[in-house]
């Protein structure tokens, strides 16, 4: 499988990966690679700050578009600090749960927060 390197620093324009909007840009680059049946090698070189909000947009959202097996086979993360890998692992677990039954997850969150549909 041909691979494409996705440099997060270059896409975002700096080392602060905190905004979901920036994560969306990375998501689109990864999605394009996967839809072309390429392996996405995601480099976090020179990235100094990463938030779960960014990772949810950049990587978590992929679980809504692709099967888990495809992502395991086609994604590789490089140059990520250990503490950021921990955040990424939590994001992936949450995304898998959410996309497995998103309607039920939304209903559970509303119930916990005491919200109704009105």
N, C-alpha and C. Protein backbone atom coordinates (compact mmCIF):
# COMPACT_ATOMS: atom_id res chain seq x y z
N UNK A 1 0.85 -1.18 0.00
CA UNK A 1 0.00 0.00 0.00
C UNK A 1 0.90 1.24 0.00
N UNK A 2 0.63 2.12 -0.93
CA UNK A 2 1.37 3.38 -1.01
C UNK A 2 1.02 4.24 0.20
N UNK A 3 2.00 5.01 0.67
CA UNK A 3 1.73 5.86 1.84
C UNK A 3 1.94 7.33 1.50
N UNK A 4 1.26 8.16 2.28
CA UNK A 4 1.39 9.60 2.14
C UNK A 4 1.67 10.17 3.54
N UNK A 5 2.65 11.07 3.62
CA UNK A 5 2.98 11.67 4.90
C UNK A 5 2.15 12.94 5.08
N UNK A 6 1.52 13.02 6.24
CA UNK A 6 0.69 14.18 6.56
C UNK A 6 1.37 14.90 7.71
N UNK A 7 1.91 16.08 7.42
CA UNK A 7 2.65 16.85 8.41
C UNK A 7 1.69 17.83 9.08
N UNK A 8 1.33 17.51 10.32
CA UNK A 8 0.35 18.29 11.06
C UNK A 8 0.81 19.73 11.25
N UNK A 9 2.08 19.92 11.58
CA UNK A 9 2.62 21.27 11.78
C UNK A 9 2.40 22.13 10.54
N UNK A 10 2.68 21.57 9.37
CA UNK A 10 2.52 22.33 8.12
C UNK A 10 1.05 22.65 7.83
N UNK A 11 0.16 21.72 8.14
CA UNK A 11 -1.26 21.95 7.87
C UNK A 11 -1.81 23.03 8.80
N UNK A 12 -1.46 22.93 10.08
CA UNK A 12 -1.97 23.89 11.07
C UNK A 12 -1.27 25.24 10.96
N UNK A 13 0.00 25.23 10.61
CA UNK A 13 0.75 26.47 10.44
C UNK A 13 1.57 26.85 11.66
N UNK A 14 1.47 26.06 12.74
CA UNK A 14 2.27 26.28 13.93
C UNK A 14 2.21 25.03 14.80
N UNK A 15 2.86 25.07 15.96
CA UNK A 15 2.94 23.91 16.83
C UNK A 15 1.81 23.77 17.83
N UNK A 16 0.83 24.67 17.78
CA UNK A 16 -0.29 24.64 18.72
C UNK A 16 -1.52 24.00 18.08
N UNK A 17 -1.71 22.73 18.38
CA UNK A 17 -2.85 21.99 17.84
C UNK A 17 -3.93 21.92 18.90
N UNK A 18 -4.67 23.00 19.02
CA UNK A 18 -5.67 23.12 20.08
C UNK A 18 -7.08 23.32 19.56
N UNK A 19 -7.23 23.84 18.38
CA UNK A 19 -8.56 24.20 17.87
C UNK A 19 -9.18 23.09 17.03
N UNK A 20 -10.46 22.80 17.26
CA UNK A 20 -11.15 21.81 16.44
C UNK A 20 -11.12 22.17 14.95
N UNK A 21 -11.13 23.46 14.64
CA UNK A 21 -11.09 23.89 13.24
C UNK A 21 -9.80 23.45 12.57
N UNK A 22 -8.70 23.51 13.30
CA UNK A 22 -7.42 23.03 12.75
C UNK A 22 -7.44 21.51 12.63
N UNK A 23 -8.07 20.85 13.58
CA UNK A 23 -8.21 19.39 13.50
C UNK A 23 -8.99 18.98 12.27
N UNK A 24 -9.99 19.78 11.92
CA UNK A 24 -10.80 19.51 10.72
C UNK A 24 -9.93 19.52 9.46
N UNK A 25 -8.97 20.43 9.39
CA UNK A 25 -8.06 20.49 8.24
C UNK A 25 -7.23 19.21 8.14
N UNK A 26 -6.76 18.73 9.28
CA UNK A 26 -5.98 17.49 9.31
C UNK A 26 -6.87 16.31 8.95
N UNK A 27 -8.09 16.29 9.48
CA UNK A 27 -9.06 15.25 9.15
C UNK A 27 -9.25 15.14 7.64
N UNK A 28 -9.44 16.27 6.98
CA UNK A 28 -9.66 16.28 5.53
C UNK A 28 -8.47 15.71 4.78
N UNK A 29 -7.25 16.02 5.23
CA UNK A 29 -6.04 15.49 4.58
C UNK A 29 -5.95 13.98 4.77
N UNK A 30 -6.25 13.51 5.98
CA UNK A 30 -6.21 12.07 6.25
C UNK A 30 -7.29 11.36 5.45
N UNK A 31 -8.50 11.91 5.46
CA UNK A 31 -9.63 11.31 4.75
C UNK A 31 -9.33 11.17 3.26
N UNK A 32 -8.73 12.19 2.68
CA UNK A 32 -8.38 12.17 1.26
C UNK A 32 -7.41 11.03 0.97
N UNK A 33 -6.41 10.85 1.84
CA UNK A 33 -5.44 9.77 1.66
C UNK A 33 -6.12 8.40 1.76
N UNK A 34 -6.96 8.23 2.77
CA UNK A 34 -7.63 6.94 2.97
C UNK A 34 -8.60 6.62 1.84
N UNK A 35 -9.30 7.62 1.36
CA UNK A 35 -10.24 7.41 0.25
C UNK A 35 -9.50 7.05 -1.04
N UNK A 36 -8.21 7.39 -1.12
CA UNK A 36 -7.38 7.03 -2.27
C UNK A 36 -6.65 5.71 -2.02
N UNK A 37 -7.08 5.00 -0.97
CA UNK A 37 -6.46 3.72 -0.58
C UNK A 37 -4.96 3.83 -0.32
N UNK A 38 -4.58 4.92 0.32
CA UNK A 38 -3.20 5.12 0.72
C UNK A 38 -3.10 5.04 2.23
N UNK A 39 -1.92 4.67 2.70
CA UNK A 39 -1.66 4.66 4.13
C UNK A 39 -1.31 6.09 4.55
N UNK A 40 -1.91 6.57 5.63
CA UNK A 40 -1.64 7.93 6.11
C UNK A 40 -0.64 7.87 7.25
N UNK A 41 0.54 8.44 7.02
CA UNK A 41 1.56 8.53 8.05
C UNK A 41 1.49 9.95 8.61
N UNK A 42 0.93 10.07 9.82
CA UNK A 42 0.64 11.37 10.40
C UNK A 42 1.80 11.79 11.30
N UNK A 43 2.51 12.83 10.91
CA UNK A 43 3.66 13.31 11.66
C UNK A 43 3.29 14.51 12.53
N UNK A 44 3.64 14.41 13.82
CA UNK A 44 3.42 15.50 14.75
C UNK A 44 4.74 16.21 15.08
N UNK A 45 5.70 16.08 14.19
CA UNK A 45 7.00 16.72 14.39
C UNK A 45 6.82 18.24 14.53
N UNK A 46 7.47 18.81 15.53
CA UNK A 46 7.43 20.24 15.84
C UNK A 46 6.12 20.71 16.47
N UNK A 47 5.21 19.79 16.75
CA UNK A 47 3.96 20.14 17.44
C UNK A 47 4.26 20.16 18.93
N UNK A 48 3.92 21.26 19.59
CA UNK A 48 4.24 21.41 21.02
C UNK A 48 3.04 21.25 21.94
N UNK A 49 1.84 21.53 21.43
CA UNK A 49 0.64 21.46 22.25
C UNK A 49 -0.47 20.76 21.46
N UNK A 50 -1.11 19.77 22.11
CA UNK A 50 -2.22 19.05 21.48
C UNK A 50 -3.35 18.94 22.50
N UNK A 51 -4.58 19.21 22.07
CA UNK A 51 -5.74 19.04 22.95
C UNK A 51 -6.62 17.91 22.43
N UNK A 52 -7.46 17.40 23.31
CA UNK A 52 -8.39 16.36 22.90
C UNK A 52 -9.40 16.91 21.88
N UNK A 53 -9.75 18.18 21.98
CA UNK A 53 -10.68 18.78 21.01
C UNK A 53 -10.09 18.72 19.60
N UNK A 54 -8.82 19.02 19.48
CA UNK A 54 -8.13 18.94 18.19
C UNK A 54 -8.13 17.50 17.69
N UNK A 55 -7.73 16.56 18.56
CA UNK A 55 -7.63 15.16 18.16
C UNK A 55 -8.99 14.56 17.83
N UNK A 56 -10.04 14.98 18.52
CA UNK A 56 -11.39 14.51 18.19
C UNK A 56 -11.75 14.89 16.76
N UNK A 57 -11.42 16.12 16.37
CA UNK A 57 -11.72 16.58 15.01
C UNK A 57 -10.80 15.93 13.98
N UNK A 58 -9.53 15.80 14.31
CA UNK A 58 -8.54 15.30 13.35
C UNK A 58 -8.62 13.79 13.16
N UNK A 59 -8.75 13.05 14.25
CA UNK A 59 -8.65 11.60 14.18
C UNK A 59 -9.92 10.89 14.66
N UNK A 60 -10.50 11.34 15.75
CA UNK A 60 -11.69 10.68 16.27
C UNK A 60 -12.81 10.61 15.25
N UNK A 61 -12.98 11.67 14.50
CA UNK A 61 -14.04 11.76 13.48
C UNK A 61 -13.89 10.71 12.38
N UNK A 62 -12.68 10.21 12.19
CA UNK A 62 -12.44 9.21 11.16
C UNK A 62 -13.25 7.95 11.41
N UNK A 63 -13.53 7.66 12.70
CA UNK A 63 -14.28 6.45 13.04
C UNK A 63 -15.74 6.53 12.61
N UNK A 64 -16.19 7.70 12.23
CA UNK A 64 -17.53 7.86 11.67
C UNK A 64 -17.57 7.63 10.18
N UNK A 65 -16.39 7.64 9.54
CA UNK A 65 -16.32 7.50 8.09
C UNK A 65 -15.69 6.19 7.63
N UNK A 66 -14.90 5.56 8.50
CA UNK A 66 -14.16 4.36 8.10
C UNK A 66 -14.30 3.27 9.17
N UNK A 67 -14.18 2.04 8.74
CA UNK A 67 -14.20 0.89 9.65
C UNK A 67 -12.93 0.89 10.49
N UNK A 68 -13.05 0.37 11.71
CA UNK A 68 -11.92 0.27 12.62
C UNK A 68 -10.75 -0.48 11.98
N UNK A 69 -11.03 -1.59 11.30
CA UNK A 69 -9.97 -2.40 10.68
C UNK A 69 -9.20 -1.59 9.63
N UNK A 70 -9.92 -0.80 8.86
CA UNK A 70 -9.28 0.04 7.83
C UNK A 70 -8.36 1.06 8.49
N UNK A 71 -8.81 1.66 9.58
CA UNK A 71 -7.99 2.67 10.26
C UNK A 71 -6.75 2.04 10.89
N UNK A 72 -6.91 0.87 11.49
CA UNK A 72 -5.75 0.18 12.08
C UNK A 72 -4.70 -0.12 11.03
N UNK A 73 -5.15 -0.51 9.86
CA UNK A 73 -4.26 -0.88 8.77
C UNK A 73 -3.64 0.34 8.09
N UNK A 74 -4.38 1.44 8.04
CA UNK A 74 -4.00 2.56 7.18
C UNK A 74 -3.48 3.81 7.89
N UNK A 75 -3.51 3.82 9.23
CA UNK A 75 -3.03 5.00 9.97
C UNK A 75 -1.76 4.66 10.73
N UNK A 76 -0.83 5.58 10.68
CA UNK A 76 0.38 5.47 11.50
C UNK A 76 0.70 6.86 12.03
N UNK A 77 0.93 6.95 13.34
CA UNK A 77 1.25 8.22 13.99
C UNK A 77 2.74 8.23 14.32
N UNK A 78 3.39 9.34 13.99
CA UNK A 78 4.82 9.49 14.24
C UNK A 78 5.10 10.78 15.00
N UNK A 79 6.21 10.78 15.70
CA UNK A 79 6.73 12.00 16.35
C UNK A 79 5.75 12.61 17.35
N UNK A 80 5.02 11.77 18.07
CA UNK A 80 4.06 12.27 19.05
C UNK A 80 4.59 11.96 20.45
N UNK A 81 4.55 12.96 21.33
CA UNK A 81 5.00 12.80 22.71
C UNK A 81 4.14 11.76 23.42
N UNK A 82 4.73 11.08 24.39
CA UNK A 82 4.04 10.02 25.12
C UNK A 82 2.76 10.53 25.76
N UNK A 83 2.80 11.71 26.39
CA UNK A 83 1.59 12.24 27.03
C UNK A 83 0.49 12.53 26.02
N UNK A 84 0.87 12.90 24.80
CA UNK A 84 -0.12 13.14 23.75
C UNK A 84 -0.67 11.82 23.21
N UNK A 85 0.14 10.77 23.22
CA UNK A 85 -0.33 9.44 22.82
C UNK A 85 -1.43 8.96 23.76
N UNK A 86 -1.30 9.30 25.03
CA UNK A 86 -2.33 8.93 26.01
C UNK A 86 -3.65 9.63 25.69
N UNK A 87 -3.57 10.91 25.34
CA UNK A 87 -4.77 11.66 24.95
C UNK A 87 -5.38 11.04 23.70
N UNK A 88 -4.53 10.71 22.74
CA UNK A 88 -5.01 10.11 21.49
C UNK A 88 -5.72 8.78 21.76
N UNK A 89 -5.17 7.99 22.64
CA UNK A 89 -5.79 6.70 22.96
C UNK A 89 -7.19 6.90 23.54
N UNK A 90 -7.34 7.89 24.44
CA UNK A 90 -8.66 8.21 25.01
C UNK A 90 -9.63 8.69 23.94
N UNK A 91 -9.14 9.51 23.03
CA UNK A 91 -9.97 10.02 21.94
C UNK A 91 -10.47 8.86 21.07
N UNK A 92 -9.59 7.93 20.75
CA UNK A 92 -9.96 6.79 19.90
C UNK A 92 -11.00 5.92 20.61
N UNK A 93 -10.80 5.64 21.89
CA UNK A 93 -11.76 4.84 22.64
C UNK A 93 -13.13 5.53 22.65
N UNK A 94 -13.14 6.82 22.92
CA UNK A 94 -14.39 7.58 22.93
C UNK A 94 -15.07 7.60 21.56
N UNK A 95 -14.28 7.76 20.51
CA UNK A 95 -14.84 7.81 19.15
C UNK A 95 -15.45 6.46 18.77
N UNK A 96 -14.77 5.39 19.12
CA UNK A 96 -15.31 4.06 18.81
C UNK A 96 -16.65 3.84 19.51
N UNK A 97 -16.73 4.23 20.78
CA UNK A 97 -17.98 4.09 21.52
C UNK A 97 -19.07 4.97 20.92
N UNK A 98 -18.73 6.21 20.61
CA UNK A 98 -19.71 7.14 20.07
C UNK A 98 -20.26 6.65 18.73
N UNK A 99 -19.37 6.29 17.81
CA UNK A 99 -19.83 5.92 16.47
C UNK A 99 -20.44 4.53 16.42
N UNK A 100 -20.23 3.73 17.44
CA UNK A 100 -20.86 2.42 17.52
C UNK A 100 -22.38 2.58 17.66
N UNK A 101 -22.79 3.57 18.45
CA UNK A 101 -24.22 3.84 18.66
C UNK A 101 -24.37 5.31 19.05
N UNK A 102 -24.21 6.18 18.07
CA UNK A 102 -24.18 7.62 18.35
C UNK A 102 -25.48 8.15 18.94
N UNK A 103 -26.62 7.67 18.46
CA UNK A 103 -27.90 8.16 18.98
C UNK A 103 -28.03 7.84 20.47
N UNK A 104 -27.67 6.64 20.84
CA UNK A 104 -27.75 6.24 22.25
C UNK A 104 -26.79 7.08 23.09
N UNK A 105 -25.61 7.36 22.56
CA UNK A 105 -24.62 8.17 23.28
C UNK A 105 -25.16 9.58 23.51
N UNK A 106 -25.75 10.18 22.49
CA UNK A 106 -26.32 11.53 22.61
C UNK A 106 -27.43 11.54 23.65
N UNK A 107 -28.29 10.54 23.61
CA UNK A 107 -29.39 10.45 24.58
C UNK A 107 -28.85 10.31 26.01
N UNK A 108 -27.81 9.51 26.18
CA UNK A 108 -27.21 9.33 27.51
C UNK A 108 -26.61 10.63 28.03
N UNK A 109 -25.95 11.37 27.15
CA UNK A 109 -25.34 12.65 27.55
C UNK A 109 -26.42 13.64 27.95
N UNK A 110 -27.50 13.71 27.15
CA UNK A 110 -28.61 14.61 27.49
C UNK A 110 -29.22 14.24 28.83
N UNK A 111 -29.36 12.96 29.07
CA UNK A 111 -29.94 12.50 30.33
C UNK A 111 -29.04 12.89 31.51
N UNK A 112 -27.74 12.69 31.35
CA UNK A 112 -26.79 13.05 32.41
C UNK A 112 -26.83 14.55 32.69
N UNK A 113 -26.93 15.34 31.65
CA UNK A 113 -26.93 16.80 31.79
C UNK A 113 -28.31 17.36 32.13
N UNK A 114 -29.32 16.49 32.14
CA UNK A 114 -30.66 16.93 32.49
C UNK A 114 -31.33 17.72 31.38
N UNK A 115 -30.93 17.48 30.16
CA UNK A 115 -31.52 18.19 29.01
C UNK A 115 -32.59 17.33 28.40
N UNK A 116 -33.57 18.00 27.79
CA UNK A 116 -34.56 17.26 27.01
C UNK A 116 -34.60 17.84 25.61
N UNK A 117 -35.44 17.32 24.77
CA UNK A 117 -35.48 17.73 23.36
C UNK A 117 -36.18 19.05 23.11
N UNK A 118 -36.74 19.66 24.12
CA UNK A 118 -37.49 20.91 23.94
C UNK A 118 -36.59 22.09 23.82
